[in-house]
């Protein structure tokens, strides 16, 4: 049974930093590209960042480029999202997802096979 469990969300102030983690189990983690997505209230879920199987390739949404960093530890079956200079518009539920069919990160949701339950990030002004 595949599980992706996000953690690290919470309430922070604008300008703060926060790190999200996503622990995977029940799959061969290093065989999957991984992605982070988010969904703000009243909006569709959107791509935030992705990372290839080895960690060498990364991709970011323009809205977070330069502020967020995605990384992974294949030995721990965990993917991270380091967020800095957080803004109120970053408030959303953040989801991690696993993509088996690509070695490089992809931004389209339909490419991802497994999803976590999400963790809430709230940025106050």
C-alpha atoms as a PDB file:
ATOM      1  CA  UNK A   1       0.000   0.000   0.000  1.00  0.00           C
ATOM      2  CA  UNK A   2       1.504   3.278  -1.120  1.00  0.00           C
ATOM      3  CA  UNK A   3       1.434   6.132   1.346  1.00  0.00           C
ATOM      4  CA  UNK A   4       2.674   9.695   1.020  1.00  0.00           C
ATOM      5  CA  UNK A   5       2.506  11.593   4.297  1.00  0.00           C
ATOM      6  CA  UNK A   6       3.151  15.314   4.366  1.00  0.00           C
ATOM      7  CA  UNK A   7       4.211  17.176   7.487  1.00  0.00           C
ATOM      8  CA  UNK A   8       5.595  20.544   8.514  1.00  0.00           C
ATOM      9  CA  UNK A   9       2.658  22.776   7.737  1.00  0.00           C
ATOM     10  CA  UNK A  10       1.272  25.368  10.096  1.00  0.00           C
ATOM     11  CA  UNK A  11       0.806  29.068  10.697  1.00  0.00           C
ATOM     12  CA  UNK A  12       3.683  31.415   9.941  1.00  0.00           C
ATOM     13  CA  UNK A  13       4.129  35.119   9.365  1.00  0.00           C
ATOM     14  CA  UNK A  14       4.951  36.785   6.079  1.00  0.00           C
ATOM     15  CA  UNK A  15       8.676  36.676   5.438  1.00  0.00           C
ATOM     16  CA  UNK A  16       9.197  33.524   7.491  1.00  0.00           C
ATOM     17  CA  UNK A  17      10.596  30.228   6.284  1.00  0.00           C
ATOM     18  CA  UNK A  18       9.094  26.774   6.604  1.00  0.00           C
ATOM     19  CA  UNK A  19      10.057  23.296   5.487  1.00  0.00           C
ATOM     20  CA  UNK A  20       7.592  20.678   4.386  1.00  0.00           C
ATOM     21  CA  UNK A  21       8.422  16.978   4.328  1.00  0.00           C
ATOM     22  CA  UNK A  22       6.757  14.113   2.526  1.00  0.00           C
ATOM     23  CA  UNK A  23       7.596  10.594   3.664  1.00  0.00           C
ATOM     24  CA  UNK A  24       6.839   7.827   1.180  1.00  0.00           C
ATOM     25  CA  UNK A  25       6.260   4.166   1.865  1.00  0.00           C
ATOM     26  CA  UNK A  26       5.078   1.153  -0.119  1.00  0.00           C
ATOM     27  CA  UNK A  27       6.899   2.136  -3.298  1.00  0.00           C
ATOM     28  CA  UNK A  28      10.384   2.150  -4.727  1.00  0.00           C
ATOM     29  CA  UNK A  29      10.961   5.801  -3.972  1.00  0.00           C
ATOM     30  CA  UNK A  30      14.020   6.324  -6.145  1.00  0.00           C
ATOM     31  CA  UNK A  31      12.019   5.138  -9.182  1.00  0.00           C
ATOM     32  CA  UNK A  32       9.623   8.078  -8.928  1.00  0.00           C
ATOM     33  CA  UNK A  33       9.895  11.707  -9.818  1.00  0.00           C
ATOM     34  CA  UNK A  34       8.223  13.732  -7.083  1.00  0.00           C
ATOM     35  CA  UNK A  35       6.215  16.908  -7.076  1.00  0.00           C
ATOM     36  CA  UNK A  36       4.663  19.434  -4.744  1.00  0.00           C
ATOM     37  CA  UNK A  37       1.312  21.006  -5.569  1.00  0.00           C
ATOM     38  CA  UNK A  38      -0.909  23.393  -3.662  1.00  0.00           C
ATOM     39  CA  UNK A  39      -4.541  24.403  -3.555  1.00  0.00           C
ATOM     40  CA  UNK A  40      -5.681  27.713  -2.151  1.00  0.00           C
ATOM     41  CA  UNK A  41      -9.289  28.287  -1.065  1.00  0.00           C
ATOM     42  CA  UNK A  42     -11.535  28.724  -4.073  1.00  0.00           C
ATOM     43  CA  UNK A  43      -8.742  27.959  -6.532  1.00  0.00           C
ATOM     44  CA  UNK A  44      -7.651  24.960  -8.523  1.00  0.00           C
ATOM     45  CA  UNK A  45      -4.718  22.879  -7.433  1.00  0.00           C
ATOM     46  CA  UNK A  46      -1.496  24.050  -9.039  1.00  0.00           C
ATOM     47  CA  UNK A  47       2.045  22.849  -9.557  1.00  0.00           C
ATOM     48  CA  UNK A  48       4.648  24.260  -7.178  1.00  0.00           C
ATOM     49  CA  UNK A  49       7.853  22.281  -7.687  1.00  0.00           C
ATOM     50  CA  UNK A  50       9.121  18.968  -9.009  1.00  0.00           C
ATOM     51  CA  UNK A  51      12.261  16.889  -8.741  1.00  0.00           C
ATOM     52  CA  UNK A  52      13.598  14.023 -10.827  1.00  0.00           C
ATOM     53  CA  UNK A  53      14.443  10.565  -9.588  1.00  0.00           C
ATOM     54  CA  UNK A  54      18.056  11.321  -8.755  1.00  0.00           C
ATOM     55  CA  UNK A  55      17.441  14.848  -7.549  1.00  0.00           C
ATOM     56  CA  UNK A  56      19.538  16.384 -10.297  1.00  0.00           C
ATOM     57  CA  UNK A  57      16.616  17.857 -12.211  1.00  0.00           C
ATOM     58  CA  UNK A  58      14.213  20.332 -10.628  1.00  0.00           C
ATOM     59  CA  UNK A  59      11.441  22.576 -11.855  1.00  0.00           C
ATOM     60  CA  UNK A  60       9.485  25.387 -10.219  1.00  0.00           C
ATOM     61  CA  UNK A  61       6.416  27.459 -10.804  1.00  0.00           C
ATOM     62  CA  UNK A  62       7.310  31.037 -11.615  1.00  0.00           C
ATOM     63  CA  UNK A  63       5.488  32.238  -8.509  1.00  0.00           C
ATOM     64  CA  UNK A  64       7.904  30.401  -6.187  1.00  0.00           C
ATOM     65  CA  UNK A  65      11.121  30.424  -8.187  1.00  0.00           C
ATOM     66  CA  UNK A  66      13.950  31.820  -6.077  1.00  0.00           C
ATOM     67  CA  UNK A  67      12.003  31.373  -2.830  1.00  0.00           C
ATOM     68  CA  UNK A  68      11.266  27.636  -2.693  1.00  0.00           C
ATOM     69  CA  UNK A  69      13.687  24.729  -2.991  1.00  0.00           C
ATOM     70  CA  UNK A  70      12.725  21.133  -3.556  1.00  0.00           C
ATOM     71  CA  UNK A  71      15.069  18.325  -2.552  1.00  0.00           C
ATOM     72  CA  UNK A  72      14.921  14.633  -1.834  1.00  0.00           C
ATOM     73  CA  UNK A  73      16.696  11.998   0.226  1.00  0.00           C
ATOM     74  CA  UNK A  74      16.269   8.651  -1.484  1.00  0.00           C
ATOM     75  CA  UNK A  75      17.799   6.829   1.470  1.00  0.00           C
ATOM     76  CA  UNK A  76      14.994   8.177   3.650  1.00  0.00           C
ATOM     77  CA  UNK A  77      12.279   8.006   0.961  1.00  0.00           C
ATOM     78  CA  UNK A  78      11.492  11.630   1.685  1.00  0.00           C
ATOM     79  CA  UNK A  79      11.020  14.740  -0.424  1.00  0.00           C
ATOM     80  CA  UNK A  80      11.264  18.224   1.032  1.00  0.00           C
ATOM     81  CA  UNK A  81      10.045  21.675   0.142  1.00  0.00           C
ATOM     82  CA  UNK A  82      12.010  24.473   1.747  1.00  0.00           C
ATOM     83  CA  UNK A  83       9.991  27.666   1.567  1.00  0.00           C
ATOM     84  CA  UNK A  84      11.434  31.073   2.336  1.00  0.00           C
ATOM     85  CA  UNK A  85      10.162  34.644   2.185  1.00  0.00           C
ATOM     86  CA  UNK A  86       6.637  33.331   2.514  1.00  0.00           C
ATOM     87  CA  UNK A  87       3.789  35.535   1.377  1.00  0.00           C
ATOM     88  CA  UNK A  88       0.089  35.491   2.259  1.00  0.00           C
ATOM     89  CA  UNK A  89      -0.630  34.266  -1.272  1.00  0.00           C
ATOM     90  CA  UNK A  90       1.343  31.106  -0.475  1.00  0.00           C
ATOM     91  CA  UNK A  91      -1.461  30.096   1.892  1.00  0.00           C
ATOM     92  CA  UNK A  92      -2.800  26.770   0.666  1.00  0.00           C
ATOM     93  CA  UNK A  93      -2.993  23.066   1.304  1.00  0.00           C
ATOM     94  CA  UNK A  94       0.251  21.573   0.027  1.00  0.00           C
ATOM     95  CA  UNK A  95       0.297  18.095  -1.493  1.00  0.00           C
ATOM     96  CA  UNK A  96       3.148  15.864  -2.508  1.00  0.00           C
ATOM     97  CA  UNK A  97       2.777  13.434  -5.381  1.00  0.00           C
ATOM     98  CA  UNK A  98       4.734  10.623  -7.028  1.00  0.00           C
ATOM     99  CA  UNK A  99       5.201  10.150 -10.779  1.00  0.00           C
ATOM    100  CA  UNK A 100       6.450   6.759 -11.959  1.00  0.00           C
ATOM    101  CA  UNK A 101       6.570   7.321 -15.695  1.00  0.00           C
ATOM    102  CA  UNK A 102       9.163  10.041 -15.887  1.00  0.00           C
ATOM    103  CA  UNK A 103      12.695  10.484 -14.681  1.00  0.00           C
ATOM    104  CA  UNK A 104      12.345  14.247 -14.763  1.00  0.00           C
ATOM    105  CA  UNK A 105       9.830  16.473 -12.983  1.00  0.00           C
ATOM    106  CA  UNK A 106       6.543  17.178 -14.718  1.00  0.00           C
ATOM    107  CA  UNK A 107       4.049  19.882 -13.876  1.00  0.00           C
ATOM    108  CA  UNK A 108       0.772  18.315 -15.003  1.00  0.00           C
ATOM    109  CA  UNK A 109      -1.274  16.711 -12.254  1.00  0.00           C
ATOM    110  CA  UNK A 110      -2.551  13.920 -14.458  1.00  0.00           C
ATOM    111  CA  UNK A 111       0.991  12.553 -14.743  1.00  0.00           C
ATOM    112  CA  UNK A 112       1.162  11.737 -11.041  1.00  0.00           C
ATOM    113  CA  UNK A 113       0.181   8.310  -9.768  1.00  0.00           C
ATOM    114  CA  UNK A 114       0.002   8.780  -6.008  1.00  0.00           C
ATOM    115  CA  UNK A 115      -0.928  11.699  -3.784  1.00  0.00           C
ATOM    116  CA  UNK A 116      -0.616  12.576  -0.135  1.00  0.00           C
ATOM    117  CA  UNK A 117      -3.440  13.909   2.004  1.00  0.00           C
ATOM    118  CA  UNK A 118      -2.041  17.416   2.171  1.00  0.00           C
ATOM    119  CA  UNK A 119      -0.765  19.765   4.850  1.00  0.00           C
ATOM    120  CA  UNK A 120      -2.089  23.252   5.495  1.00  0.00           C
ATOM    121  CA  UNK A 121       0.257  26.213   5.237  1.00  0.00           C
ATOM    122  CA  UNK A 122      -1.128  29.538   6.398  1.00  0.00           C
ATOM    123  CA  UNK A 123       0.867  32.736   6.004  1.00  0.00           C
ATOM    124  CA  UNK A 124      -0.385  35.709   7.956  1.00  0.00           C
ATOM    125  CA  UNK A 125       0.381  39.283   7.057  1.00  0.00           C
END
